[in-house]
N, C-alpha and C. Protein backbone atom coordinates (compact mmCIF):
# COMPACT_ATOMS: atom_id res chain seq x y z
N UNK A 1 50.74 -23.02 -24.32
CA UNK A 1 50.41 -21.60 -23.56
C UNK A 1 49.59 -20.58 -24.43
N UNK A 2 49.72 -20.27 -25.48
CA UNK A 2 48.99 -19.41 -26.35
C UNK A 2 47.81 -19.87 -26.29
N UNK A 3 47.53 -20.58 -26.59
CA UNK A 3 45.72 -20.85 -27.11
C UNK A 3 45.36 -21.11 -25.57
N UNK A 4 45.78 -21.52 -24.63
CA UNK A 4 45.28 -21.20 -23.06
C UNK A 4 44.98 -19.90 -22.70
N UNK A 5 45.67 -19.12 -22.98
CA UNK A 5 45.45 -17.72 -22.65
C UNK A 5 44.41 -17.40 -23.54
N UNK A 6 44.52 -17.33 -25.02
CA UNK A 6 43.39 -16.94 -25.91
C UNK A 6 41.99 -17.44 -25.86
N UNK A 7 41.65 -18.77 -25.05
CA UNK A 7 40.90 -19.74 -24.87
C UNK A 7 40.00 -18.79 -23.51
N UNK A 8 41.02 -18.55 -22.51
CA UNK A 8 40.75 -17.83 -21.26
C UNK A 8 39.91 -16.50 -21.65
N UNK A 9 40.62 -15.82 -22.39
CA UNK A 9 40.34 -14.39 -22.82
C UNK A 9 39.21 -14.54 -23.26
N UNK A 10 38.93 -15.34 -24.39
CA UNK A 10 37.49 -15.27 -25.03
C UNK A 10 36.47 -15.60 -24.12
N UNK A 11 36.94 -16.47 -23.10
CA UNK A 11 35.82 -16.95 -22.17
C UNK A 11 35.63 -15.97 -21.21
N UNK A 12 36.47 -15.28 -20.48
CA UNK A 12 36.05 -14.03 -19.68
C UNK A 12 35.42 -13.00 -20.16
N UNK A 13 35.71 -12.78 -21.60
CA UNK A 13 34.67 -11.33 -22.37
C UNK A 13 33.35 -11.75 -22.67
N UNK A 14 33.57 -13.03 -22.85
CA UNK A 14 31.98 -13.39 -23.13
C UNK A 14 31.19 -13.46 -21.92
N UNK A 15 31.77 -13.40 -20.62
CA UNK A 15 31.01 -13.08 -19.30
C UNK A 15 31.38 -11.92 -18.89
N UNK A 16 32.37 -11.26 -18.71
CA UNK A 16 32.54 -9.89 -18.78
C UNK A 16 31.27 -9.05 -19.85
N UNK A 17 31.13 -9.00 -20.87
CA UNK A 17 30.17 -7.88 -21.71
C UNK A 17 29.20 -8.67 -21.65
N UNK A 18 28.16 -7.69 -22.24
CA UNK A 18 26.66 -8.67 -22.58
C UNK A 18 26.82 -9.01 -23.85
N UNK A 19 26.01 -9.92 -24.53
CA UNK A 19 26.08 -10.43 -25.79
C UNK A 19 25.55 -9.69 -26.14
N UNK A 20 25.31 -9.59 -27.97
CA UNK A 20 24.62 -9.06 -28.79
C UNK A 20 23.06 -9.43 -28.35
N UNK A 21 22.60 -10.53 -28.00
CA UNK A 21 21.38 -10.81 -27.77
C UNK A 21 21.07 -10.29 -26.29
N UNK A 22 22.23 -9.89 -25.31
CA UNK A 22 21.40 -9.40 -24.29
C UNK A 22 20.73 -8.07 -24.36
N UNK A 23 21.63 -7.43 -24.60
CA UNK A 23 21.17 -5.73 -24.80
C UNK A 23 21.74 -5.05 -23.40
N UNK A 24 21.12 -3.61 -23.54
CA UNK A 24 21.56 -2.99 -22.45
C UNK A 24 20.55 -1.88 -21.64
N UNK A 25 19.47 -2.71 -21.48
CA UNK A 25 17.98 -1.90 -20.94
C UNK A 25 18.35 -2.61 -19.54
N UNK A 26 17.95 -1.74 -18.91
CA UNK A 26 17.75 -2.01 -17.48
C UNK A 26 16.32 -2.15 -16.41
N UNK A 27 15.98 -2.27 -15.88
CA UNK A 27 14.85 -2.36 -15.18
C UNK A 27 14.95 -3.12 -13.48
N UNK A 28 14.85 -1.86 -12.76
CA UNK A 28 14.94 -1.65 -11.30
C UNK A 28 13.35 -1.69 -10.42
N UNK A 29 13.98 -2.17 -9.35
CA UNK A 29 12.56 -1.61 -7.96
C UNK A 29 13.28 -1.05 -6.85
N UNK A 30 13.50 -0.13 -6.33
CA UNK A 30 13.36 0.56 -5.32
C UNK A 30 12.52 0.71 -4.53
N UNK A 31 12.79 0.03 -3.08
CA UNK A 31 11.94 -0.41 -1.99
C UNK A 31 12.23 0.41 -0.80
N UNK A 32 10.99 1.28 -0.19
CA UNK A 32 11.10 1.95 0.76
C UNK A 32 10.36 1.70 2.00
N UNK A 33 10.88 2.33 3.06
CA UNK A 33 9.71 2.04 4.33
C UNK A 33 8.94 2.50 3.91
N UNK A 34 7.63 3.16 3.66
CA UNK A 34 6.32 4.09 3.65
C UNK A 34 6.19 3.88 4.88
N UNK A 35 6.40 4.69 5.76
CA UNK A 35 5.49 4.86 7.20
C UNK A 35 4.46 5.95 7.26
N UNK A 36 4.15 6.67 6.62
CA UNK A 36 2.94 6.93 6.21
C UNK A 36 2.19 7.05 5.73
N UNK A 37 2.34 5.57 4.77
CA UNK A 37 1.26 4.83 3.34
C UNK A 37 1.15 6.44 3.03
N UNK A 38 1.90 7.31 2.25
CA UNK A 38 1.26 8.47 1.29
C UNK A 38 2.06 8.28 -0.25
N UNK A 39 2.48 6.64 -0.19
CA UNK A 39 3.04 6.40 -1.50
C UNK A 39 4.45 7.20 -2.31
N UNK A 40 5.21 8.03 -1.15
CA UNK A 40 6.06 9.06 -1.59
C UNK A 40 7.04 8.67 -0.31
N UNK A 41 8.34 8.78 -0.90
CA UNK A 41 9.38 8.45 0.04
C UNK A 41 9.91 9.41 0.14
N UNK A 42 9.43 9.95 1.79
CA UNK A 42 9.57 11.11 2.47
C UNK A 42 10.71 11.20 3.10
N UNK A 43 11.22 12.32 3.67
CA UNK A 43 12.59 12.48 4.64
C UNK A 43 12.39 11.45 6.00
N UNK A 44 13.58 10.77 6.50
CA UNK A 44 13.60 9.69 7.33
C UNK A 44 13.25 8.63 6.98
N UNK A 45 12.41 8.22 5.78
CA UNK A 45 11.67 7.28 5.67
C UNK A 45 12.55 6.22 4.90
N UNK A 46 13.49 5.10 5.69
CA UNK A 46 14.78 4.60 5.49
C UNK A 46 14.27 3.31 4.16
N UNK A 47 15.57 3.11 3.29
CA UNK A 47 14.96 2.03 2.31
C UNK A 47 15.29 0.51 3.04
N UNK A 48 14.44 -0.15 1.97
CA UNK A 48 14.29 -1.86 2.57
C UNK A 48 15.86 -2.47 2.30
N UNK A 49 16.13 -3.61 2.76
CA UNK A 49 17.40 -4.31 2.25
C UNK A 49 16.88 -5.76 2.31
N UNK A 50 15.65 -6.09 2.40
CA UNK A 50 15.00 -7.57 2.77
C UNK A 50 13.52 -7.58 3.10
N UNK A 51 13.31 -8.90 2.63
CA UNK A 51 11.93 -9.29 2.66
C UNK A 51 11.31 -8.81 1.42
N UNK A 52 11.81 -8.50 0.61
CA UNK A 52 11.32 -7.98 -0.83
C UNK A 52 11.96 -8.85 -2.37
N UNK A 53 11.27 -9.30 -2.99
CA UNK A 53 11.20 -10.39 -4.09
C UNK A 53 11.16 -9.62 -5.18
N UNK A 54 11.24 -9.52 -6.71
CA UNK A 54 11.07 -9.26 -7.65
C UNK A 54 11.02 -10.62 -8.61
N UNK A 55 10.22 -10.63 -9.66
CA UNK A 55 9.97 -10.96 -10.71
C UNK A 55 9.88 -10.26 -12.04
N UNK A 56 10.59 -10.54 -13.29
CA UNK A 56 10.77 -9.75 -14.32
C UNK A 56 9.59 -10.85 -15.44
N UNK A 57 8.57 -10.17 -16.18
CA UNK A 57 7.79 -11.11 -17.00
C UNK A 57 8.34 -9.92 -18.51
N UNK A 58 8.05 -10.63 -19.42
CA UNK A 58 8.38 -10.79 -20.79
C UNK A 58 6.93 -9.97 -21.30
N UNK A 59 7.11 -9.83 -22.48
CA UNK A 59 5.94 -9.19 -23.02
C UNK A 59 4.71 -10.50 -23.02
N UNK A 60 4.98 -11.90 -22.95
CA UNK A 60 3.77 -12.45 -23.57
C UNK A 60 3.69 -13.15 -21.91
N UNK A 61 4.34 -12.47 -20.71
CA UNK A 61 3.75 -12.57 -19.49
C UNK A 61 4.70 -14.10 -18.97
N UNK A 62 5.61 -14.43 -19.16
CA UNK A 62 6.48 -15.11 -18.88
C UNK A 62 7.33 -14.92 -18.12
N UNK A 63 7.64 -15.61 -16.74
CA UNK A 63 8.80 -15.11 -15.97
C UNK A 63 10.22 -14.94 -16.58
N UNK A 64 11.02 -14.39 -17.12
CA UNK A 64 12.65 -14.54 -17.30
C UNK A 64 13.66 -14.25 -16.39
N UNK A 65 12.81 -13.88 -15.12
CA UNK A 65 13.91 -13.50 -14.06
C UNK A 65 13.77 -13.27 -12.80
N UNK A 66 14.01 -13.88 -11.72
CA UNK A 66 13.68 -13.00 -10.33
C UNK A 66 14.69 -13.17 -9.50
N UNK A 67 14.11 -12.49 -8.62
CA UNK A 67 15.39 -11.83 -7.42
C UNK A 67 14.65 -11.71 -5.94
N UNK A 68 15.42 -11.56 -5.18
CA UNK A 68 15.43 -11.38 -3.63
C UNK A 68 16.37 -9.73 -3.51
N UNK A 69 15.80 -9.35 -2.58
CA UNK A 69 16.68 -8.32 -2.33
C UNK A 69 17.67 -8.18 -1.88
N UNK A 70 17.48 -9.32 -0.59
CA UNK A 70 18.65 -9.79 0.12
C UNK A 70 19.76 -10.31 -0.78
N UNK A 71 19.57 -10.94 -1.65
CA UNK A 71 20.64 -11.39 -2.39
C UNK A 71 21.19 -9.95 -3.53
N UNK A 72 20.25 -8.67 -3.65
CA UNK A 72 21.00 -8.00 -4.57
C UNK A 72 22.42 -7.60 -4.45
N UNK A 73 23.35 -7.27 -5.11
CA UNK A 73 24.25 -6.71 -4.78
C UNK A 73 24.47 -4.92 -4.31
N UNK A 74 23.11 -4.43 -4.97
CA UNK A 74 22.64 -3.07 -4.23
C UNK A 74 21.73 -3.34 -3.36
N UNK A 75 21.33 -4.40 -2.57
CA UNK A 75 20.53 -4.64 -1.40
C UNK A 75 20.98 -3.05 -0.45
N UNK A 76 21.82 -2.76 -0.24
CA UNK A 76 22.00 -1.14 0.66
C UNK A 76 21.29 -0.19 0.25
N UNK A 77 21.18 -0.10 -0.93
CA UNK A 77 20.70 0.82 -1.50
C UNK A 77 19.18 0.91 -1.74
N UNK A 78 18.95 -0.08 -1.60
CA UNK A 78 17.06 -0.89 -1.65
C UNK A 78 16.83 -1.37 -2.95
N UNK A 79 17.92 -1.83 -3.82
CA UNK A 79 17.18 -1.89 -5.12
C UNK A 79 17.72 -3.35 -5.70
N UNK A 80 16.78 -3.84 -6.48
CA UNK A 80 16.87 -4.96 -7.29
C UNK A 80 16.60 -4.29 -8.31
N UNK A 81 17.76 -4.76 -9.05
CA UNK A 81 18.11 -4.56 -10.87
C UNK A 81 17.90 -5.57 -11.72
N UNK A 82 17.29 -5.45 -13.19
CA UNK A 82 17.62 -6.93 -13.76
C UNK A 82 18.62 -6.04 -15.10
N UNK A 83 19.51 -6.60 -15.18
CA UNK A 83 20.53 -5.68 -16.58
C UNK A 83 20.39 -6.96 -17.69
N UNK A 84 21.28 -5.88 -18.90
CA UNK A 84 21.27 -6.73 -19.83
C UNK A 84 20.11 -7.11 -20.81
N UNK A 85 19.10 -6.10 -20.53
CA UNK A 85 18.04 -6.44 -21.08
C UNK A 85 17.78 -6.35 -23.01
N UNK A 86 17.58 -7.33 -23.52
CA UNK A 86 17.19 -6.72 -24.85
C UNK A 86 15.90 -5.88 -25.07
N UNK A 87 15.64 -4.92 -25.86
CA UNK A 87 14.71 -4.07 -26.15
C UNK A 87 13.25 -4.94 -26.00
N UNK A 88 12.18 -4.17 -25.58
CA UNK A 88 11.02 -5.51 -25.79
C UNK A 88 10.02 -4.70 -24.61
N UNK A 89 9.28 -5.47 -24.49
CA UNK A 89 7.83 -5.02 -23.20
C UNK A 89 8.62 -5.76 -22.15
N UNK A 90 8.19 -5.09 -20.99
CA UNK A 90 8.68 -5.99 -19.71
C UNK A 90 7.80 -5.72 -18.40
N UNK A 91 7.43 -6.50 -17.53
CA UNK A 91 6.80 -6.27 -16.25
C UNK A 91 7.00 -6.62 -15.03
N UNK A 92 7.34 -5.64 -14.23
CA UNK A 92 8.32 -5.96 -12.82
C UNK A 92 6.91 -6.62 -11.80
N UNK A 93 6.75 -7.44 -11.36
CA UNK A 93 5.87 -7.45 -10.18
C UNK A 93 7.08 -7.60 -8.93
N UNK A 94 6.29 -6.98 -7.63
CA UNK A 94 6.92 -6.96 -6.52
C UNK A 94 6.08 -8.03 -5.40
N UNK A 95 6.67 -8.65 -4.96
CA UNK A 95 6.25 -9.67 -3.68
C UNK A 95 6.79 -9.31 -2.53
N UNK A 96 5.95 -10.15 -1.21
CA UNK A 96 6.67 -9.46 -0.07
C UNK A 96 5.66 -10.48 0.76
N UNK A 97 6.39 -11.07 2.37
CA UNK A 97 5.13 -11.63 3.03
C UNK A 97 5.70 -11.03 4.23
N UNK A 98 6.66 -9.40 4.30
CA UNK A 98 6.87 -9.31 5.44
C UNK A 98 6.40 -7.80 5.33
N UNK A 99 6.24 -7.39 3.77
CA UNK A 99 5.61 -6.11 3.76
C UNK A 99 4.14 -6.18 3.14
N UNK A 100 3.57 -4.74 3.14
CA UNK A 100 2.25 -4.63 2.93
C UNK A 100 2.21 -3.36 1.63
N UNK A 101 2.19 -3.80 0.57
CA UNK A 101 2.41 -2.16 -0.35
C UNK A 101 1.89 -1.25 -0.26
N UNK A 102 1.96 -0.09 -0.45
CA UNK A 102 1.53 0.97 -0.10
C UNK A 102 1.44 2.12 -1.66
N UNK A 103 2.23 1.52 -2.18
CA UNK A 103 2.14 2.12 -3.61
C UNK A 103 1.95 0.46 -4.88
N UNK A 104 1.96 1.17 -6.10
CA UNK A 104 1.44 0.14 -6.84
C UNK A 104 3.09 -0.99 -6.64
N UNK A 105 2.49 -2.45 -6.66
CA UNK A 105 3.73 -3.46 -7.27
C UNK A 105 4.10 -4.10 -8.02
N UNK A 106 3.04 -3.44 -9.20
CA UNK A 106 3.47 -3.82 -10.59
C UNK A 106 3.87 -2.93 -11.65
N UNK A 107 4.58 -3.06 -12.65
CA UNK A 107 4.95 -1.72 -13.56
C UNK A 107 5.16 -2.45 -15.10
N UNK A 108 5.02 -2.05 -15.78
CA UNK A 108 5.16 -2.29 -17.47
C UNK A 108 5.69 -1.57 -17.71
N UNK A 109 7.05 -1.31 -18.66
CA UNK A 109 7.72 -0.59 -19.67
C UNK A 109 8.05 -1.03 -20.66
N UNK A 110 8.41 -0.23 -21.59
CA UNK A 110 9.19 -0.52 -22.70
C UNK A 110 10.39 -0.40 -23.19
N UNK A 111 11.20 -1.09 -23.03
CA UNK A 111 12.59 -0.76 -23.12
C UNK A 111 13.39 -0.57 -23.91
N UNK A 112 14.02 0.20 -24.06
CA UNK A 112 14.67 0.84 -25.72
C UNK A 112 16.31 1.00 -25.38
N UNK A 113 17.06 0.41 -26.35
CA UNK A 113 18.41 0.57 -25.57
C UNK A 113 18.68 1.67 -25.42
N UNK A 114 19.90 1.98 -24.34
CA UNK A 114 21.21 3.31 -24.32
C UNK A 114 20.20 4.08 -23.36
N UNK A 115 18.96 3.70 -23.41
CA UNK A 115 18.33 4.65 -21.84
C UNK A 115 18.79 4.24 -20.98
N UNK A 116 17.79 5.34 -19.53
CA UNK A 116 18.55 4.99 -17.88
C UNK A 116 17.53 4.23 -17.71
N UNK A 117 17.84 3.42 -16.94
CA UNK A 117 17.05 2.50 -16.44
C UNK A 117 15.87 2.75 -15.69
N UNK A 118 14.91 2.24 -16.02
CA UNK A 118 13.01 2.42 -15.80
C UNK A 118 13.05 1.78 -13.95
N UNK A 119 12.41 2.64 -13.02
CA UNK A 119 12.62 2.54 -11.95
C UNK A 119 11.14 2.53 -11.39
N UNK A 120 11.16 1.05 -10.76
CA UNK A 120 9.68 1.36 -9.94
C UNK A 120 9.99 1.34 -8.07
N UNK A 121 9.21 2.40 -8.43
CA UNK A 121 9.50 3.18 -6.51
C UNK A 121 8.55 2.11 -6.19
N UNK A 122 9.19 1.66 -4.94
CA UNK A 122 8.32 0.39 -4.07
C UNK A 122 8.11 0.75 -2.77
N UNK A 123 6.77 1.59 -2.08
CA UNK A 123 6.67 1.83 -1.00
C UNK A 123 5.94 0.71 -0.18
N UNK A 124 6.30 0.51 1.01
CA UNK A 124 5.62 -0.53 1.75
C UNK A 124 5.84 -0.36 3.29
N UNK A 125 4.69 -1.29 3.88
CA UNK A 125 4.95 -0.69 5.55
C UNK A 125 4.88 -2.55 6.05
N UNK A 126 5.89 -2.66 7.16
CA UNK A 126 5.95 -3.78 7.83
C UNK A 126 4.56 -4.43 8.10
N UNK A 127 4.13 -5.82 7.87
CA UNK A 127 2.98 -6.38 8.77
C UNK A 127 2.82 -6.22 9.71
N UNK A 128 4.24 -6.56 10.61
CA UNK A 128 3.80 -6.18 12.40
C UNK A 128 3.46 -4.65 12.56
N UNK A 129 4.15 -3.80 11.72
CA UNK A 129 3.69 -2.43 12.16
C UNK A 129 2.50 -1.71 11.58
N UNK A 130 1.60 -2.55 10.55
CA UNK A 130 0.84 -2.28 10.52
C UNK A 130 -0.41 -2.87 11.80
N UNK A 131 -0.27 -4.17 12.11
CA UNK A 131 -0.98 -4.68 13.17
C UNK A 131 -0.86 -3.92 14.32
N UNK A 132 0.34 -2.66 14.94
CA UNK A 132 0.32 -2.38 15.70
C UNK A 132 -0.11 -0.58 15.67
N UNK A 133 -0.20 -0.23 14.36
CA UNK A 133 -0.70 0.77 14.37
C UNK A 133 -2.68 0.75 14.43
N UNK A 134 -3.24 -0.45 14.33
CA UNK A 134 -4.54 -0.49 14.56
C UNK A 134 -5.05 0.51 15.85
N UNK A 135 -6.15 1.03 15.76
CA UNK A 135 -6.40 1.93 17.16
C UNK A 135 -7.05 1.09 18.15
N UNK A 136 -6.24 1.75 18.95
CA UNK A 136 -6.43 1.03 20.62
C UNK A 136 -8.27 1.55 20.55
N UNK A 137 -9.21 0.15 21.41
CA UNK A 137 -10.01 0.63 21.73
C UNK A 137 -10.15 1.59 22.65
N UNK A 138 -11.52 2.73 22.81
CA UNK A 138 -11.18 3.88 23.48
C UNK A 138 -11.53 3.65 25.18
N UNK A 139 -10.98 4.06 26.11
CA UNK A 139 -11.25 3.80 27.83
C UNK A 139 -12.59 4.30 27.73
N UNK A 140 -12.41 2.95 28.69
CA UNK A 140 -14.56 3.10 29.36
C UNK A 140 -14.56 4.56 29.81
N UNK A 141 -15.70 5.68 29.23
CA UNK A 141 -15.80 6.00 29.73
C UNK A 141 -16.91 6.51 30.64
N UNK A 142 -17.15 5.32 31.80
CA UNK A 142 -18.07 5.10 32.57
C UNK A 142 -19.35 4.78 32.10
N UNK A 143 -20.28 4.41 33.30
CA UNK A 143 -21.74 4.15 32.67
C UNK A 143 -22.60 4.85 31.74
N UNK A 144 -23.08 4.35 30.67
CA UNK A 144 -24.01 4.22 29.85
C UNK A 144 -25.68 4.90 30.77
N UNK A 145 -25.67 5.93 31.17
CA UNK A 145 -26.86 6.05 31.95
C UNK A 145 -28.46 6.04 31.15
N UNK A 146 -28.08 6.29 30.08
CA UNK A 146 -29.85 6.22 29.67
C UNK A 146 -29.68 4.65 28.98
N UNK A 147 -29.07 3.64 28.90
CA UNK A 147 -29.11 2.63 28.70
C UNK A 147 -29.58 2.03 29.93
N UNK A 148 -29.08 2.37 30.90
CA UNK A 148 -29.12 1.96 32.56
C UNK A 148 -30.76 2.05 32.74
N UNK A 149 -31.08 3.03 32.91
CA UNK A 149 -32.26 4.32 33.16
C UNK A 149 -33.12 3.16 32.20
N UNK A 150 -33.38 2.82 31.14
CA UNK A 150 -34.21 2.15 30.30
C UNK A 150 -33.83 1.01 30.35
N UNK A 151 -33.35 0.23 30.58
CA UNK A 151 -33.08 -1.33 31.75
C UNK A 151 -33.75 -1.18 32.89
N UNK A 152 -33.71 -0.44 33.36
CA UNK A 152 -34.58 -0.50 35.00
C UNK A 152 -35.94 -0.12 34.43
N UNK A 153 -36.03 0.75 33.67
CA UNK A 153 -37.89 0.61 33.42
C UNK A 153 -38.20 -0.02 32.99
N UNK A 154 -37.84 -1.25 32.00
CA UNK A 154 -38.03 -1.80 31.23
C UNK A 154 -38.56 -3.12 32.11
N UNK A 155 -37.45 -3.55 33.19
CA UNK A 155 -37.46 -4.16 33.96
C UNK A 155 -38.65 -4.25 35.18
N UNK A 156 -38.90 -3.23 35.42
CA UNK A 156 -40.15 -2.77 36.49
C UNK A 156 -42.02 -2.91 35.61
N UNK A 157 -41.08 -2.62 34.44
CA UNK A 157 -42.65 -2.63 33.91
C UNK A 157 -42.92 -4.15 33.65
N UNK A 158 -41.77 -4.85 33.22
CA UNK A 158 -42.23 -6.03 32.90
C UNK A 158 -42.46 -6.71 34.27
N UNK A 159 -42.16 -6.71 35.22
CA UNK A 159 -42.51 -7.31 36.65
C UNK A 159 -43.84 -6.84 36.91
N UNK A 160 -44.10 -5.26 37.07
CA UNK A 160 -45.61 -4.99 36.71
C UNK A 160 -46.41 -6.04 36.00
N UNK A 161 -46.30 -6.26 34.64
CA UNK A 161 -46.97 -6.96 33.80
C UNK A 161 -47.35 -8.46 34.44
N UNK A 162 -45.94 -8.73 35.19
CA UNK A 162 -46.38 -10.42 35.45
C UNK A 162 -47.14 -10.35 36.78
N UNK A 163 -46.79 -9.35 37.41
CA UNK A 163 -47.86 -9.54 38.67
C UNK A 163 -48.85 -9.43 38.83
N UNK A 164 -49.54 -8.60 36.92
CA UNK A 164 -51.07 -8.56 37.21
C UNK A 164 -50.95 -9.98 36.84
N UNK A 165 -50.60 -10.33 35.94
CA UNK A 165 -50.79 -11.90 35.07
C UNK A 165 -51.22 -12.50 36.20
N UNK A 166 -50.59 -12.72 37.14
CA UNK A 166 -50.60 -14.02 37.84
C UNK A 166 -51.58 -13.79 38.96
N UNK A 167 -51.96 -12.19 39.36
CA UNK A 167 -53.15 -12.30 39.94
C UNK A 167 -54.54 -12.60 39.15
N UNK A 168 -54.50 -12.08 37.88
CA UNK A 168 -55.78 -12.60 37.48
C UNK A 168 -55.59 -14.08 37.22
N UNK A 169 -54.54 -14.74 36.99
CA UNK A 169 -54.48 -16.07 37.03
C UNK A 169 -55.01 -16.65 38.75
N UNK A 170 -54.57 -16.03 39.74
CA UNK A 170 -55.47 -16.29 40.95
C UNK A 170 -56.52 -16.70 41.04
N UNK A 171 -56.92 -15.34 40.46
CA UNK A 171 -58.49 -15.39 40.63
C UNK A 171 -59.54 -16.13 39.97
N UNK A 172 -58.74 -16.27 38.47
CA UNK A 172 -59.60 -17.30 37.66
C UNK A 172 -59.28 -18.69 38.45
N UNK A 173 -58.39 -19.29 39.16
CA UNK A 173 -57.98 -20.77 39.38
C UNK A 173 -58.56 -20.54 40.81
N UNK A 174 -58.40 -19.74 41.47
CA UNK A 174 -58.67 -20.16 43.22
C UNK A 174 -59.64 -18.82 43.62
N UNK A 175 -60.26 -18.89 42.40
CA UNK A 175 -61.48 -17.65 43.20
C UNK A 175 -62.65 -18.67 43.76
N UNK A 176 -63.01 -17.61 44.96
CA UNK A 176 -63.79 -18.07 46.19
C UNK A 176 -65.27 -18.60 45.70
N UNK A 177 -65.32 -19.83 46.07
CA UNK A 177 -66.72 -20.16 45.72
C UNK A 177 -67.75 -20.67 46.27
N UNK A 178 -68.88 -20.79 46.47
CA UNK A 178 -69.56 -20.65 47.43
C UNK A 178 -69.54 -22.08 48.52
N UNK A 179 -69.81 -21.90 49.74
CA UNK A 179 -69.19 -22.82 50.61
C UNK A 179 -70.41 -24.00 50.62
N UNK A 180 -70.29 -25.08 50.12
CA UNK A 180 -71.38 -26.25 49.95
C UNK A 180 -72.38 -26.73 51.48
N UNK A 181 -73.42 -26.46 51.40
CA UNK A 181 -73.97 -26.79 52.42
C UNK A 181 -74.63 -28.02 52.17
N UNK A 182 -73.84 -29.11 53.17
CA UNK A 182 -74.64 -30.28 53.10
C UNK A 182 -75.45 -30.48 53.89
N UNK A 183 -77.38 -30.76 53.81
CA UNK A 183 -78.06 -31.19 55.00
C UNK A 183 -77.88 -32.62 55.18
N UNK A 184 -78.26 -32.77 56.71
CA UNK A 184 -78.25 -34.21 56.97
C UNK A 184 -79.77 -34.66 56.84
N UNK A 185 -79.77 -36.02 56.65
CA UNK A 185 -81.33 -36.31 56.21
C UNK A 185 -81.60 -36.58 57.72
N UNK A 186 -82.95 -37.10 57.65
CA UNK A 186 -83.59 -37.63 59.38
C UNK A 186 -83.10 -39.16 59.17
N UNK A 187 -82.47 -39.75 58.23
CA UNK A 187 -82.28 -41.22 58.20
C UNK A 187 -80.63 -41.06 58.52
N UNK A 188 -80.62 -40.37 59.19
CA UNK A 188 -78.80 -40.22 59.23
C UNK A 188 -77.62 -40.42 57.90
N UNK A 189 -78.62 -40.65 56.74
CA UNK A 189 -77.50 -39.90 55.76
C UNK A 189 -77.22 -38.68 55.16
N UNK A 190 -76.55 -38.46 54.36
CA UNK A 190 -76.14 -37.22 53.82
C UNK A 190 -77.08 -37.33 52.81
N UNK A 191 -77.47 -35.84 52.10
CA UNK A 191 -78.44 -35.59 50.98
C UNK A 191 -77.33 -34.83 49.86
N UNK A 192 -77.91 -34.87 48.78
CA UNK A 192 -77.14 -34.63 48.10
C UNK A 192 -77.11 -32.95 48.22
N UNK A 193 -75.96 -32.23 48.00
CA UNK A 193 -76.26 -30.88 48.26
C UNK A 193 -77.00 -29.98 47.19
N UNK A 194 -77.65 -29.16 47.54
CA UNK A 194 -78.07 -28.22 46.99
C UNK A 194 -77.56 -26.91 46.15
N UNK A 195 -77.75 -26.88 44.96
CA UNK A 195 -76.73 -26.00 44.40
C UNK A 195 -77.79 -24.59 44.35
């Protein structure tokens, strides 16, 4: 029984406390709804609690951890944290299909043991909110009189040009010719007309 208790105690302490290889560095992301897109969390701008993911990369660019905001124990505060990191250089990348970033979505820091957590403040706007914020077309201000007058003058000029052209074609094609005078011969036969 003593052995079992000792074994459970050692096993529990291995999971409860970070190992020497882990370290005590922390790298976090705090996400907020940046409604006015000024890259700063203003009063009244709420924290995001889902729809955000983060990847933690080591200095060689390999993803060493990933997390979703909805699964984070600190999701109510809009925070994803990577804990027990050994000293070194880390990059955090934030991704989201539901939000468009208004602040930088990548941050690289060098963690040294015993410091306060490094935090990336990630501001974003909902993709549906961005679509809704697109300006609506201006209401119709009535007819555009200069364009209407220009179009009417152009139509009248084109009509006049076509009429003049048609008249010239008519004169050339159907001009009046001298009447052909047919003379009767004494024999009752017609002679060729004289031109």
